[in-house]
Amino acid sequence: MEALLKVKELRTYFETSDGTLPALDNVSFTVNRGETLGVVGESGCGKSVTALSLMRLVPIPPGRYVSGEIIFEGEDLLKKTDEEMRRIRGKDMAMIFQEPMTSLNPVYTVGDQIAEVFTRHQGLSRREALSRAEAMLAMAGIPDPKRCVTQYPHEMSGGMRQRVMIAMALSCRPKLLIADEPTTALDVTIQAQILEAMRELKRELGMAVMLITHDLGVVAEMADRAIVMYAGKIVEEAPVRDLFHAPLHPYTIGLHECVPRIDKPRGELAVIDGVVPSPLSFPSGCRFHTRCRFAKDICSTEEPTTTVLGEYRKVSCHRAATMVGGGEW
């Protein structure tokens, strides 16, 4: 498959009064044309910072791109000017933001905000742009799109605002859609409609999707491949079938066990002990070892290297590397 996006050894840090936060540390992955890449992990693992880094939306300062490359269609986005990035955002790359409450401008109507995408990137007149905005709102499941285009964000519920964000992101039919928890505020019926709309656009345009989610069920349904993030690093990458049927990293195994199942006793729900560590105090060695039930002494002293099992099958874990190599843990 042809790569649309290649991220190579990306490091994104934030400078704070308490010290330097390595939010992303040596992150590398690829998104191919026409595929859906799932990005999973707990809150605080670096998923949203990854998305913001790709769009060059990390606020500088306090953020800074320490090193790495973001190669989109053969060009490094980290070397682009702000004006060049504005021409790319919304047209070739678009993002559905996680928080619709703060992502819309409160002093402009919803219609004007979506119409701006069409006037800026496609040169449409305001009337044509508003008509297209109305059509996009209908596609996103808004029941009365004609009325909606005249409303301000504060007049809408959280779920409706999320649909507006989705309509805005899909307006120019981007080559890469970054969806950061795109159905968080929606009921299950609208969730299904939005996911199906994303699937249809992917098929129609060959659009690639980077889907950030906590919902492993959505990953199983939508994604071709997935990467698992923990404490600013990618700990496992695999085709979705392998990730569910043969997870290798203990963190991936833990996430899989936390999925509610009808065959479990009522009221019983697995959990991963502990919490994601603060970027100010990442543990030495493997960053997951303080929560890992398989951890040994080496896990607390040596950072695991990445074991490559195939083009899209990788894991960073001492235990997994030992077992894959035929040894015992």
C-alpha atoms as a PDB file:
ATOM      1  CA  MET A   1       0.000   0.000   0.000  1.00  0.00           C
ATOM      2  CA  GLU A   2       1.104   3.555  -0.690  1.00  0.00           C
ATOM      3  CA  ALA A   3       1.884   5.654   2.371  1.00  0.00           C
ATOM      4  CA  LEU A   4      -0.011   8.943   2.662  1.00  0.00           C
ATOM      5  CA  LEU A   5       1.514   9.945   6.009  1.00  0.00           C
ATOM      6  CA  LYS A   6       4.766   8.878   7.630  1.00  0.00           C
ATOM      7  CA  VAL A   7       5.619   9.973  11.148  1.00  0.00           C
ATOM      8  CA  LYS A   8       9.255   9.387  12.045  1.00  0.00           C
ATOM      9  CA  GLU A   9      10.667   9.583  15.580  1.00  0.00           C
ATOM     10  CA  LEU A  10       8.433  12.499  16.533  1.00  0.00           C
ATOM     11  CA  ARG A  11       9.059  14.171  19.873  1.00  0.00           C
ATOM     12  CA  THR A  12       6.674  16.865  21.131  1.00  0.00           C
ATOM     13  CA  TYR A  13       7.490  18.443  24.494  1.00  0.00           C
ATOM     14  CA  PHE A  14       5.822  21.074  26.657  1.00  0.00           C
ATOM     15  CA  GLU A  15       7.685  23.513  28.872  1.00  0.00           C
ATOM     16  CA  THR A  16       5.911  24.175  32.176  1.00  0.00           C
ATOM     17  CA  SER A  17       6.757  25.823  35.463  1.00  0.00           C
ATOM     18  CA  ASP A  18       7.261  22.333  36.914  1.00  0.00           C
ATOM     19  CA  GLY A  19       9.624  21.171  34.176  1.00  0.00           C
ATOM     20  CA  THR A  20       9.658  19.672  30.680  1.00  0.00           C
ATOM     21  CA  LEU A  21       6.832  17.291  29.753  1.00  0.00           C
ATOM     22  CA  PRO A  22       7.772  14.766  27.029  1.00  0.00           C
ATOM     23  CA  ALA A  23       4.188  14.312  25.791  1.00  0.00           C
ATOM     24  CA  LEU A  24       5.348  12.376  22.700  1.00  0.00           C
ATOM     25  CA  ASP A  25       8.616  10.482  22.802  1.00  0.00           C
ATOM     26  CA  ASN A  26      10.010   8.875  19.649  1.00  0.00           C
ATOM     27  CA  VAL A  27       6.651   8.162  17.988  1.00  0.00           C
ATOM     28  CA  SER A  28       6.774   6.548  14.524  1.00  0.00           C
ATOM     29  CA  PHE A  29       3.925   5.165  12.406  1.00  0.00           C
ATOM     30  CA  THR A  30       2.449   5.205   8.905  1.00  0.00           C
ATOM     31  CA  VAL A  31      -1.034   5.864   7.538  1.00  0.00           C
ATOM     32  CA  ASN A  32      -1.612   4.400   4.079  1.00  0.00           C
ATOM     33  CA  ARG A  33      -3.965   5.806   1.464  1.00  0.00           C
ATOM     34  CA  GLY A  34      -7.496   4.551   1.898  1.00  0.00           C
ATOM     35  CA  GLU A  35      -6.981   2.774   5.215  1.00  0.00           C
ATOM     36  CA  THR A  36      -8.247   3.421   8.723  1.00  0.00           C
ATOM     37  CA  LEU A  37      -5.670   3.468  11.505  1.00  0.00           C
ATOM     38  CA  GLY A  38      -7.031   3.133  15.018  1.00  0.00           C
ATOM     39  CA  VAL A  39      -5.192   4.830  17.890  1.00  0.00           C
ATOM     40  CA  VAL A  40      -6.099   3.477  21.319  1.00  0.00           C
ATOM     41  CA  GLY A  41      -5.021   4.015  24.906  1.00  0.00           C
ATOM     42  CA  GLU A  42      -6.135   5.609  28.145  1.00  0.00           C
ATOM     43  CA  SER A  43      -6.492   9.347  28.654  1.00  0.00           C
ATOM     44  CA  GLY A  44      -3.086  10.948  29.064  1.00  0.00           C
ATOM     45  CA  CYS A  45      -1.245   8.525  26.771  1.00  0.00           C
ATOM     46  CA  GLY A  46      -0.560  11.075  24.017  1.00  0.00           C
ATOM     47  CA  LYS A  47      -3.285  10.321  21.465  1.00  0.00           C
ATOM     48  CA  SER A  48      -4.669  13.845  21.145  1.00  0.00           C
ATOM     49  CA  VAL A  49      -1.200  15.436  21.241  1.00  0.00           C
ATOM     50  CA  THR A  50      -0.296  13.164  18.335  1.00  0.00           C
ATOM     51  CA  ALA A  51      -3.294  14.453  16.371  1.00  0.00           C
ATOM     52  CA  LEU A  52      -2.534  18.096  17.182  1.00  0.00           C
ATOM     53  CA  SER A  53       1.108  17.586  16.235  1.00  0.00           C
ATOM     54  CA  LEU A  54       0.142  16.214  12.815  1.00  0.00           C
ATOM     55  CA  MET A  55      -2.031  19.273  12.168  1.00  0.00           C
ATOM     56  CA  ARG A  56       0.682  21.601  13.516  1.00  0.00           C
ATOM     57  CA  LEU A  57      -1.782  22.912  16.088  1.00  0.00           C
ATOM     58  CA  VAL A  58       0.368  22.438  19.189  1.00  0.00           C
ATOM     59  CA  PRO A  59       0.611  25.900  20.812  1.00  0.00           C
ATOM     60  CA  ILE A  60       4.189  27.183  20.654  1.00  0.00           C
ATOM     61  CA  PRO A  61       5.069  28.039  23.393  1.00  0.00           C
ATOM     62  CA  PRO A  62       4.596  26.130  25.693  1.00  0.00           C
ATOM     63  CA  GLY A  63       4.828  23.264  23.207  1.00  0.00           C
ATOM     64  CA  ARG A  64       7.713  22.584  20.845  1.00  0.00           C
ATOM     65  CA  TYR A  65       8.598  19.987  18.259  1.00  0.00           C
ATOM     66  CA  VAL A  66      11.923  18.676  19.536  1.00  0.00           C
ATOM     67  CA  SER A  67      12.749  16.343  16.658  1.00  0.00           C
ATOM     68  CA  GLY A  68      11.298  14.040  14.032  1.00  0.00           C
ATOM     69  CA  GLU A  69       9.460  14.296  10.730  1.00  0.00           C
ATOM     70  CA  ILE A  70       5.806  14.397   9.656  1.00  0.00           C
ATOM     71  CA  ILE A  71       5.870  13.428   5.977  1.00  0.00           C
ATOM     72  CA  PHE A  72       2.525  14.073   4.257  1.00  0.00           C
ATOM     73  CA  GLU A  73       2.412  13.303   0.540  1.00  0.00           C
ATOM     74  CA  GLY A  74       6.204  13.404   0.437  1.00  0.00           C
ATOM     75  CA  GLU A  75       6.665  16.750   2.218  1.00  0.00           C
ATOM     76  CA  ASP A  76       7.694  17.395   5.823  1.00  0.00           C
ATOM     77  CA  LEU A  77       4.939  19.387   7.526  1.00  0.00           C
ATOM     78  CA  LEU A  78       7.333  20.531  10.241  1.00  0.00           C
ATOM     79  CA  LYS A  79       9.143  22.577   7.584  1.00  0.00           C
ATOM     80  CA  LYS A  80       5.991  24.274   6.283  1.00  0.00           C
ATOM     81  CA  THR A  81       5.198  27.916   7.019  1.00  0.00           C
ATOM     82  CA  ASP A  82       2.038  28.833   8.908  1.00  0.00           C
ATOM     83  CA  GLU A  83       0.408  30.042   5.679  1.00  0.00           C
ATOM     84  CA  GLU A  84       1.251  26.794   3.891  1.00  0.00           C
ATOM     85  CA  MET A  85      -0.276  24.832   6.767  1.00  0.00           C
ATOM     86  CA  ARG A  86      -3.462  26.917   6.603  1.00  0.00           C
ATOM     87  CA  ARG A  87      -3.856  25.881   2.974  1.00  0.00           C
ATOM     88  CA  ILE A  88      -3.450  22.212   3.939  1.00  0.00           C
ATOM     89  CA  ARG A  89      -5.695  22.186   7.004  1.00  0.00           C
ATOM     90  CA  GLY A  90      -9.346  21.642   6.173  1.00  0.00           C
ATOM     91  CA  LYS A  91      -8.588  20.759   2.553  1.00  0.00           C
ATOM     92  CA  ASP A  92      -6.048  17.924   2.474  1.00  0.00           C
ATOM     93  CA  MET A  93      -6.013  17.166   6.201  1.00  0.00           C
ATOM     94  CA  ALA A  94      -8.981  17.729   8.480  1.00  0.00           C
ATOM     95  CA  MET A  95      -9.687  17.013  12.103  1.00  0.00           C
ATOM     96  CA  ILE A  96     -12.761  16.276  14.164  1.00  0.00           C
ATOM     97  CA  PHE A  97     -11.852  17.702  17.556  1.00  0.00           C
ATOM     98  CA  GLN A  98     -12.646  15.911  20.795  1.00  0.00           C
ATOM     99  CA  GLU A  99     -14.268  18.879  22.536  1.00  0.00           C
ATOM    100  CA  PRO A 100     -17.018  20.566  20.487  1.00  0.00           C
ATOM    101  CA  MET A 101     -17.879  22.973  23.315  1.00  0.00           C
ATOM    102  CA  THR A 102     -14.691  24.984  22.774  1.00  0.00           C
ATOM    103  CA  SER A 103     -13.922  24.243  19.109  1.00  0.00           C
ATOM    104  CA  LEU A 104     -16.601  26.490  17.584  1.00  0.00           C
ATOM    105  CA  ASN A 105     -16.431  30.299  17.526  1.00  0.00           C
ATOM    106  CA  PRO A 106     -19.279  31.625  19.706  1.00  0.00           C
ATOM    107  CA  VAL A 107     -19.737  34.893  17.741  1.00  0.00           C
ATOM    108  CA  TYR A 108     -20.356  33.319  14.303  1.00  0.00           C
ATOM    109  CA  THR A 109     -23.313  31.234  13.185  1.00  0.00           C
ATOM    110  CA  VAL A 110     -22.782  27.552  12.535  1.00  0.00           C
ATOM    111  CA  GLY A 111     -23.522  28.087   8.844  1.00  0.00           C
ATOM    112  CA  ASP A 112     -20.883  30.798   8.485  1.00  0.00           C
ATOM    113  CA  GLN A 113     -18.254  28.642  10.167  1.00  0.00           C
ATOM    114  CA  ILE A 114     -18.839  25.691   7.842  1.00  0.00           C
ATOM    115  CA  ALA A 115     -19.224  27.962   4.807  1.00  0.00           C
ATOM    116  CA  GLU A 116     -15.765  29.422   5.462  1.00  0.00           C
ATOM    117  CA  VAL A 117     -14.259  26.034   4.574  1.00  0.00           C
ATOM    118  CA  PHE A 118     -15.873  26.208   1.110  1.00  0.00           C
ATOM    119  CA  THR A 119     -15.063  29.871   0.452  1.00  0.00           C
ATOM    120  CA  ARG A 120     -11.437  29.524   1.557  1.00  0.00           C
ATOM    121  CA  HIS A 121     -10.574  26.227  -0.115  1.00  0.00           C
ATOM    122  CA  GLN A 122     -13.001  25.999  -3.057  1.00  0.00           C
ATOM    123  CA  GLY A 123     -13.657  29.661  -3.869  1.00  0.00           C
ATOM    124  CA  LEU A 124     -17.456  29.385  -3.628  1.00  0.00           C
ATOM    125  CA  SER A 125     -19.698  32.400  -3.143  1.00  0.00           C
ATOM    126  CA  ARG A 126     -21.279  32.857   0.286  1.00  0.00           C
ATOM    127  CA  ARG A 127     -24.682  31.703  -0.998  1.00  0.00           C
ATOM    128  CA  GLU A 128     -23.207  28.569  -2.576  1.00  0.00           C
ATOM    129  CA  ALA A 129     -21.122  27.904   0.524  1.00  0.00           C
ATOM    130  CA  LEU A 130     -24.121  28.175   2.850  1.00  0.00           C
ATOM    131  CA  SER A 131     -26.068  25.782   0.624  1.00  0.00           C
ATOM    132  CA  ARG A 132     -23.207  23.278   0.803  1.00  0.00           C
ATOM    133  CA  ALA A 133     -23.003  23.803   4.567  1.00  0.00           C
ATOM    134  CA  GLU A 134     -26.679  22.921   4.867  1.00  0.00           C
ATOM    135  CA  ALA A 135     -26.127  19.723   2.891  1.00  0.00           C
ATOM    136  CA  MET A 136     -23.184  18.734   5.105  1.00  0.00           C
ATOM    137  CA  LEU A 137     -25.251  19.281   8.242  1.00  0.00           C
ATOM    138  CA  ALA A 138     -27.950  17.006   6.838  1.00  0.00           C
ATOM    139  CA  MET A 139     -25.320  14.345   6.156  1.00  0.00           C
ATOM    140  CA  ALA A 140     -24.114  14.625   9.763  1.00  0.00           C
ATOM    141  CA  GLY A 141     -27.612  13.845  11.063  1.00  0.00           C
ATOM    142  CA  ILE A 142     -28.897  17.330  11.927  1.00  0.00           C
ATOM    143  CA  PRO A 143     -32.727  17.060  11.777  1.00  0.00           C
ATOM    144  CA  ASP A 144     -33.383  20.651  10.603  1.00  0.00           C
ATOM    145  CA  PRO A 145     -30.222  21.797   8.769  1.00  0.00           C
ATOM    146  CA  LYS A 146     -31.881  24.880   7.236  1.00  0.00           C
ATOM    147  CA  ARG A 147     -32.559  26.259  10.698  1.00  0.00           C
ATOM    148  CA  CYS A 148     -29.243  25.069  12.065  1.00  0.00           C
ATOM    149  CA  VAL A 149     -27.154  27.181   9.672  1.00  0.00           C
ATOM    150  CA  THR A 150     -28.608  30.326  11.262  1.00  0.00           C
ATOM    151  CA  GLN A 151     -27.953  29.254  14.853  1.00  0.00           C
ATOM    152  CA  TYR A 152     -25.027  30.119  17.107  1.00  0.00           C
ATOM    153  CA  PRO A 153     -23.133  27.358  18.960  1.00  0.00           C
ATOM    154  CA  HIS A 154     -24.598  28.300  22.357  1.00  0.00           C
ATOM    155  CA  GLU A 155     -28.086  27.562  20.991  1.00  0.00           C
ATOM    156  CA  MET A 156     -27.198  23.910  20.382  1.00  0.00           C
ATOM    157  CA  SER A 157     -26.653  20.893  22.600  1.00  0.00           C
ATOM    158  CA  GLY A 158     -23.262  19.243  22.955  1.00  0.00           C
ATOM    159  CA  GLY A 159     -24.247  16.417  20.639  1.00  0.00           C
ATOM    160  CA  MET A 160     -25.459  18.827  17.966  1.00  0.00           C
ATOM    161  CA  ARG A 161     -22.222  20.807  18.192  1.00  0.00           C
ATOM    162  CA  GLN A 162     -20.268  17.597  17.735  1.00  0.00           C
ATOM    163  CA  ARG A 163     -22.217  16.908  14.536  1.00  0.00           C
ATOM    164  CA  VAL A 164     -21.382  20.413  13.319  1.00  0.00           C
ATOM    165  CA  MET A 165     -17.679  19.677  13.869  1.00  0.00           C
ATOM    166  CA  ILE A 166     -18.010  16.450  11.896  1.00  0.00           C
ATOM    167  CA  ALA A 167     -19.793  18.257   9.036  1.00  0.00           C
ATOM    168  CA  MET A 168     -17.057  20.908   8.973  1.00  0.00           C
ATOM    169  CA  ALA A 169     -14.238  18.331   8.904  1.00  0.00           C
ATOM    170  CA  LEU A 170     -15.784  16.350   6.041  1.00  0.00           C
ATOM    171  CA  SER A 171     -16.753  19.390   3.952  1.00  0.00           C
ATOM    172  CA  CYS A 172     -13.770  19.389   1.561  1.00  0.00           C
ATOM    173  CA  ARG A 173     -13.473  15.608   1.487  1.00  0.00           C
ATOM    174  CA  PRO A 174      -9.913  15.545   2.822  1.00  0.00           C
ATOM    175  CA  LYS A 175      -7.274  12.966   1.916  1.00  0.00           C
ATOM    176  CA  LEU A 176      -6.653  12.352   5.627  1.00  0.00           C
ATOM    177  CA  LEU A 177      -9.310  12.699   8.302  1.00  0.00           C
ATOM    178  CA  ILE A 178      -8.095  12.741  11.900  1.00  0.00           C
ATOM    179  CA  ALA A 179     -11.052  11.871  14.104  1.00  0.00           C
ATOM    180  CA  ASP A 180     -10.402  12.459  17.814  1.00  0.00           C
ATOM    181  CA  GLU A 181     -13.237  10.655  19.607  1.00  0.00           C
ATOM    182  CA  PRO A 182     -15.686  11.738  16.861  1.00  0.00           C
ATOM    183  CA  THR A 183     -18.808  10.198  18.403  1.00  0.00           C
ATOM    184  CA  THR A 184     -18.210  10.951  22.097  1.00  0.00           C
ATOM    185  CA  ALA A 185     -21.292  13.142  22.639  1.00  0.00           C
ATOM    186  CA  LEU A 186     -23.668  11.315  20.299  1.00  0.00           C
ATOM    187  CA  ASP A 187     -26.322   8.701  20.950  1.00  0.00           C
ATOM    188  CA  VAL A 188     -25.825   5.234  19.489  1.00  0.00           C
ATOM    189  CA  THR A 189     -28.093   5.812  16.466  1.00  0.00           C
ATOM    190  CA  ILE A 190     -26.203   8.924  15.354  1.00  0.00           C
ATOM    191  CA  GLN A 191     -22.893   7.203  16.147  1.00  0.00           C
ATOM    192  CA  ALA A 192     -23.774   4.509  13.644  1.00  0.00           C
ATOM    193  CA  GLN A 193     -24.784   7.114  11.023  1.00  0.00           C
ATOM    194  CA  ILE A 194     -21.554   9.083  11.429  1.00  0.00           C
ATOM    195  CA  LEU A 195     -19.324   6.012  11.310  1.00  0.00           C
ATOM    196  CA  GLU A 196     -21.157   4.820   8.194  1.00  0.00           C
ATOM    197  CA  ALA A 197     -20.751   8.265   6.576  1.00  0.00           C
ATOM    198  CA  MET A 198     -17.016   8.127   7.285  1.00  0.00           C
ATOM    199  CA  ARG A 199     -16.881   4.631   5.798  1.00  0.00           C
ATOM    200  CA  GLU A 200     -18.692   5.740   2.623  1.00  0.00           C
ATOM    201  CA  LEU A 201     -16.379   8.730   2.119  1.00  0.00           C
ATOM    202  CA  LYS A 202     -13.397   6.487   2.657  1.00  0.00           C
ATOM    203  CA  ARG A 203     -14.631   4.127  -0.061  1.00  0.00           C
ATOM    204  CA  GLU A 204     -15.672   6.912  -2.443  1.00  0.00           C
ATOM    205  CA  LEU A 205     -12.556   9.072  -2.207  1.00  0.00           C
ATOM    206  CA  GLY A 206      -9.904   6.684  -0.999  1.00  0.00           C
ATOM    207  CA  MET A 207      -9.768   8.885   2.102  1.00  0.00           C
ATOM    208  CA  ALA A 208      -7.518   7.719   4.929  1.00  0.00           C
ATOM    209  CA  VAL A 209      -8.799   7.944   8.492  1.00  0.00           C
ATOM    210  CA  MET A 210      -6.853   8.159  11.730  1.00  0.00           C
ATOM    211  CA  LEU A 211      -9.415   7.214  14.363  1.00  0.00           C
ATOM    212  CA  ILE A 212      -8.598   8.054  17.978  1.00  0.00           C
ATOM    213  CA  THR A 213     -10.898   6.304  20.417  1.00  0.00           C
ATOM    214  CA  HIS A 214     -11.248   4.583  23.768  1.00  0.00           C
ATOM    215  CA  ASP A 215     -13.816   2.209  22.293  1.00  0.00           C
ATOM    216  CA  LEU A 216     -12.185  -1.029  21.180  1.00  0.00           C
ATOM    217  CA  GLY A 217     -15.495  -2.023  19.606  1.00  0.00           C
ATOM    218  CA  VAL A 218     -15.239   0.940  17.221  1.00  0.00           C
ATOM    219  CA  VAL A 219     -11.648  -0.056  16.411  1.00  0.00           C
ATOM    220  CA  ALA A 220     -12.738  -3.618  15.651  1.00  0.00           C
ATOM    221  CA  GLU A 221     -15.516  -2.347  13.379  1.00  0.00           C
ATOM    222  CA  MET A 222     -13.753   0.515  11.608  1.00  0.00           C
ATOM    223  CA  ALA A 223      -9.976   0.077  11.605  1.00  0.00           C
ATOM    224  CA  ASP A 224      -7.633  -1.910   9.380  1.00  0.00           C
ATOM    225  CA  ARG A 225      -4.650  -1.490  11.690  1.00  0.00           C
ATOM    226  CA  ALA A 226      -4.183  -0.093  15.183  1.00  0.00           C
ATOM    227  CA  ILE A 227      -1.460   1.396  17.335  1.00  0.00           C
ATOM    228  CA  VAL A 228      -1.588   1.247  21.125  1.00  0.00           C
ATOM    229  CA  MET A 229      -0.144   4.247  22.972  1.00  0.00           C
ATOM    230  CA  TYR A 230       1.016   4.430  26.567  1.00  0.00           C
ATOM    231  CA  ALA A 231       2.803   7.300  28.339  1.00  0.00           C
ATOM    232  CA  GLY A 232       3.770   9.083  25.136  1.00  0.00           C
ATOM    233  CA  LYS A 233       5.048   6.008  23.309  1.00  0.00           C
ATOM    234  CA  ILE A 234       3.655   3.431  20.899  1.00  0.00           C
ATOM    235  CA  VAL A 235       3.886   0.090  22.693  1.00  0.00           C
ATOM    236  CA  GLU A 236       2.247  -2.104  20.043  1.00  0.00           C
ATOM    237  CA  GLU A 237       1.205  -1.934  16.390  1.00  0.00           C
ATOM    238  CA  ALA A 238      -0.759  -4.623  14.585  1.00  0.00           C
ATOM    239  CA  PRO A 239      -3.479  -5.390  12.074  1.00  0.00           C
ATOM    240  CA  VAL A 240      -6.787  -5.268  13.948  1.00  0.00           C
ATOM    241  CA  ARG A 241      -7.377  -9.017  13.703  1.00  0.00           C
ATOM    242  CA  ASP A 242      -3.992  -9.754  15.294  1.00  0.00           C
ATOM    243  CA  LEU A 243      -4.491  -7.093  17.948  1.00  0.00           C
ATOM    244  CA  PHE A 244      -7.705  -8.736  19.139  1.00  0.00           C
ATOM    245  CA  HIS A 245      -6.825 -12.398  18.666  1.00  0.00           C
ATOM    246  CA  ALA A 246      -3.160 -12.318  19.687  1.00  0.00           C
ATOM    247  CA  PRO A 247      -2.256  -9.161  21.668  1.00  0.00           C
ATOM    248  CA  LEU A 248       1.404  -9.148  22.703  1.00  0.00           C
ATOM    249  CA  HIS A 249       1.978  -6.201  25.029  1.00  0.00           C
ATOM    250  CA  PRO A 250       0.650  -6.572  28.604  1.00  0.00           C
ATOM    251  CA  TYR A 251      -1.044  -3.170  28.288  1.00  0.00           C
ATOM    252  CA  THR A 252      -2.901  -4.292  25.163  1.00  0.00           C
ATOM    253  CA  ILE A 253      -3.863  -7.504  26.944  1.00  0.00           C
ATOM    254  CA  GLY A 254      -5.178  -5.439  29.866  1.00  0.00           C
ATOM    255  CA  LEU A 255      -7.231  -3.167  27.614  1.00  0.00           C
ATOM    256  CA  HIS A 256      -8.687  -6.216  25.889  1.00  0.00           C
ATOM    257  CA  GLU A 257      -9.640  -7.777  29.226  1.00  0.00           C
ATOM    258  CA  CYS A 258     -11.409  -4.561  30.301  1.00  0.00           C
ATOM    259  CA  VAL A 259     -13.968  -4.829  27.492  1.00  0.00           C
ATOM    260  CA  PRO A 260     -17.357  -5.816  28.974  1.00  0.00           C
ATOM    261  CA  ARG A 261     -18.507  -9.258  27.814  1.00  0.00           C
ATOM    262  CA  ILE A 262     -21.816 -11.036  28.127  1.00  0.00           C
ATOM    263  CA  ASP A 263     -20.059 -14.255  29.164  1.00  0.00           C
ATOM    264  CA  LYS A 264     -18.558 -12.622  32.280  1.00  0.00           C
ATOM    265  CA  PRO A 265     -20.353 -12.914  35.641  1.00  0.00           C
ATOM    266  CA  ARG A 266     -22.740 -10.039  36.235  1.00  0.00           C
ATOM    267  CA  GLY A 267     -21.073  -7.035  37.825  1.00  0.00           C
ATOM    268  CA  GLU A 268     -17.542  -8.305  37.209  1.00  0.00           C
ATOM    269  CA  LEU A 269     -15.358  -5.903  35.250  1.00  0.00           C
ATOM    270  CA  ALA A 270     -11.620  -6.204  34.817  1.00  0.00           C
ATOM    271  CA  VAL A 271      -9.416  -3.189  35.482  1.00  0.00           C
ATOM    272  CA  ILE A 272      -5.770  -2.286  35.004  1.00  0.00           C
ATOM    273  CA  ASP A 273      -4.368  -1.371  38.408  1.00  0.00           C
ATOM    274  CA  GLY A 274      -2.863   2.083  38.820  1.00  0.00           C
ATOM    275  CA  VAL A 275      -2.960   5.127  36.560  1.00  0.00           C
ATOM    276  CA  VAL A 276      -0.975   6.529  33.633  1.00  0.00           C
ATOM    277  CA  PRO A 277       2.101   8.235  35.143  1.00  0.00           C
ATOM    278  CA  SER A 278       2.663  11.968  34.837  1.00  0.00           C
ATOM    279  CA  PRO A 279       5.052  13.006  32.044  1.00  0.00           C
ATOM    280  CA  LEU A 280       7.027  14.799  34.769  1.00  0.00           C
ATOM    281  CA  SER A 281       7.805  11.511  36.499  1.00  0.00           C
ATOM    282  CA  PHE A 282       7.840   8.658  33.998  1.00  0.00           C
ATOM    283  CA  PRO A 283       9.320   5.531  35.625  1.00  0.00           C
ATOM    284  CA  SER A 284      12.668   4.202  34.449  1.00  0.00           C
ATOM    285  CA  GLY A 285      12.829   1.211  32.132  1.00  0.00           C
ATOM    286  CA  CYS A 286       9.483   0.235  30.647  1.00  0.00           C
ATOM    287  CA  ARG A 287       6.964   2.945  31.471  1.00  0.00           C
ATOM    288  CA  PHE A 288       4.240   0.356  32.057  1.00  0.00           C
ATOM    289  CA  HIS A 289       6.193  -1.842  34.488  1.00  0.00           C
ATOM    290  CA  THR A 290       4.636  -0.300  37.636  1.00  0.00           C
ATOM    291  CA  ARG A 291       1.212  -1.542  36.492  1.00  0.00           C
ATOM    292  CA  CYS A 292       2.269  -4.757  34.748  1.00  0.00           C
ATOM    293  CA  ARG A 293       1.469  -8.103  36.343  1.00  0.00           C
ATOM    294  CA  PHE A 294       4.219  -9.780  34.293  1.00  0.00           C
ATOM    295  CA  ALA A 295       7.007  -7.333  35.227  1.00  0.00           C
ATOM    296  CA  LYS A 296      10.487  -8.526  36.230  1.00  0.00           C
ATOM    297  CA  ASP A 297      13.594  -6.690  37.382  1.00  0.00           C
ATOM    298  CA  ILE A 298      14.772  -5.938  33.838  1.00  0.00           C
ATOM    299  CA  CYS A 299      11.524  -4.081  33.157  1.00  0.00           C
ATOM    300  CA  SER A 300      12.347  -1.424  35.766  1.00  0.00           C
ATOM    301  CA  THR A 301      15.933  -0.866  34.633  1.00  0.00           C
ATOM    302  CA  GLU A 302      16.047  -1.241  30.852  1.00  0.00           C
ATOM    303  CA  GLU A 303      13.762   0.391  28.301  1.00  0.00           C
ATOM    304  CA  PRO A 304      12.519  -2.264  25.855  1.00  0.00           C
ATOM    305  CA  THR A 305      13.496  -1.996  22.207  1.00  0.00           C
ATOM    306  CA  THR A 306      10.946  -2.416  19.425  1.00  0.00           C
ATOM    307  CA  THR A 307      10.633  -5.990  18.186  1.00  0.00           C
ATOM    308  CA  VAL A 308       9.570  -6.038  14.525  1.00  0.00           C
ATOM    309  CA  LEU A 309       7.528  -9.123  13.609  1.00  0.00           C
ATOM    310  CA  GLY A 310       6.336  -7.866  10.233  1.00  0.00           C
ATOM    311  CA  GLU A 311       5.781  -4.687   8.282  1.00  0.00           C
ATOM    312  CA  TYR A 312       2.854  -3.710  10.481  1.00  0.00           C
ATOM    313  CA  ARG A 313       3.443  -5.936  13.529  1.00  0.00           C
ATOM    314  CA  LYS A 314       5.622  -4.418  16.224  1.00  0.00           C
ATOM    315  CA  VAL A 315       5.829  -4.505  20.011  1.00  0.00           C
ATOM    316  CA  SER A 316       8.002  -2.844  22.660  1.00  0.00           C
ATOM    317  CA  CYS A 317       8.115  -5.259  25.592  1.00  0.00           C
ATOM    318  CA  HIS A 318      10.806  -7.446  27.210  1.00  0.00           C
ATOM    319  CA  ARG A 319       8.310 -10.245  27.879  1.00  0.00           C
ATOM    320  CA  ALA A 320       6.856 -10.236  24.374  1.00  0.00           C
ATOM    321  CA  ALA A 321      10.326 -10.229  22.783  1.00  0.00           C
ATOM    322  CA  THR A 322      11.382 -13.182  24.932  1.00  0.00           C
ATOM    323  CA  MET A 323       8.265 -15.233  24.175  1.00  0.00           C
ATOM    324  CA  VAL A 324       8.335 -14.435  20.454  1.00  0.00           C
ATOM    325  CA  GLY A 325      11.956 -15.587  20.408  1.00  0.00           C
ATOM    326  CA  GLY A 326      10.936 -18.952  21.850  1.00  0.00           C
ATOM    327  CA  GLY A 327      12.096 -18.272  25.414  1.00  0.00           C
ATOM    328  CA  GLU A 328      10.207 -18.502  28.714  1.00  0.00           C
ATOM    329  CA  TRP A 329       9.217 -15.566  30.904  1.00  0.00           C
END
